[in-house]
Protein backbone atom coordinates (compact mmCIF):
# COMPACT_ATOMS: atom_id res chain seq x y z
CA MET A 1 -14.93 -51.87 225.77
CA ALA A 2 -12.82 -54.48 223.77
CA SER A 3 -9.31 -54.46 224.69
CA ALA A 4 -6.65 -53.61 221.62
CA LYS A 5 -5.87 -57.47 221.71
CA ALA A 6 -9.68 -58.36 221.52
CA ARG A 7 -9.92 -55.61 218.49
CA LYS A 8 -6.89 -56.95 216.76
CA ILE A 9 -8.04 -60.48 216.78
CA GLN A 10 -11.11 -59.55 215.13
CA GLU A 11 -9.54 -57.32 212.80
CA LEU A 12 -6.96 -60.04 211.66
CA ARG A 13 -10.07 -62.49 211.20
CA GLU A 14 -11.90 -60.25 209.14
CA ALA A 15 -9.12 -59.05 206.83
CA ARG A 16 -8.70 -62.78 206.18
CA GLY A 17 -12.21 -62.95 205.27
CA ILE A 18 -12.57 -65.78 207.94
CA SER A 19 -16.11 -65.69 209.61
CA ALA A 20 -16.46 -66.32 213.48
CA GLY A 21 -18.04 -69.42 212.65
CA GLU A 22 -15.37 -70.74 210.30
CA LEU A 23 -12.66 -69.65 212.87
CA SER A 24 -14.60 -71.53 215.65
CA ARG A 25 -14.47 -74.77 213.44
CA ARG A 26 -10.97 -74.42 212.76
CA LEU A 27 -10.05 -74.40 216.43
CA ASP A 28 -12.67 -76.61 217.58
CA VAL A 29 -14.09 -74.02 220.22
CA ASP A 30 -17.72 -73.00 220.29
CA GLU A 31 -18.35 -69.85 218.20
CA GLU A 32 -19.62 -68.09 221.41
CA THR A 33 -15.87 -68.32 222.68
CA ILE A 34 -14.58 -66.52 219.57
CA ARG A 35 -17.19 -63.66 220.30
CA ARG A 36 -15.97 -63.57 223.76
CA TRP A 37 -12.41 -63.24 222.63
CA GLU A 38 -13.24 -60.28 220.51
CA ALA A 39 -15.36 -58.57 223.00
CA GLY A 40 -12.39 -58.73 225.44
CA ASP A 41 -14.49 -61.11 227.84
CA GLU A 42 -12.24 -63.81 227.77
CA ASP A 43 -8.60 -64.61 227.06
CA VAL A 44 -7.11 -66.98 224.57
CA GLY A 45 -5.99 -70.08 226.31
CA GLU A 46 -2.23 -71.08 225.53
CA GLY A 47 -3.62 -74.38 224.21
CA VAL A 48 -5.52 -72.59 221.29
CA LEU A 49 -2.91 -70.01 220.74
CA PRO A 50 -0.93 -71.84 218.24
CA ARG A 51 -4.02 -72.73 215.91
CA LEU A 52 -5.25 -69.27 216.45
CA ALA A 53 -2.06 -67.98 215.37
CA ALA A 54 -1.66 -70.24 212.52
CA SER A 55 -5.01 -69.52 211.45
CA LEU A 56 -4.87 -65.64 211.69
CA GLY A 57 -1.38 -65.99 209.61
CA VAL A 58 0.52 -64.34 212.56
CA SER A 59 3.05 -65.84 215.05
CA GLN A 60 2.12 -66.53 218.76
CA ASP A 61 4.61 -64.23 219.83
CA ALA A 62 2.56 -61.49 218.13
CA LEU A 63 -0.37 -62.32 219.76
CA ARG A 64 1.60 -62.71 223.42
CA ARG A 65 2.89 -59.38 222.56
CA LEU A 66 -0.66 -57.86 222.15
CA GLU A 67 -1.54 -59.17 225.51
CA ASP A 68 1.83 -58.00 227.14
CA GLU A 69 1.03 -54.61 225.97
CA GLU A 70 -2.45 -54.71 227.29
CA HIS A 71 -1.04 -55.58 230.66
CA HIS A 72 2.43 -53.58 230.72
CA GLY A 73 2.28 -50.98 228.09
CA PRO A 74 4.33 -51.01 224.79
CA ALA A 75 8.00 -52.20 225.09
């Protein structure tokens, strides 16, 4: 089962009409990496986080908060 963060990444991507393939090209990562993020099988690395946030139109802090909530519960 995908985590809330994984579901949110997919939700944001789809809401912006960006395919997984397009996002992978924007971020210079393999499309399978996008699929693993969205399945919750792999975490987004800090090195790609700024580009992911920009591509999805959210702040890096918003994406980090999703991760923190997954591990520690809502603030």
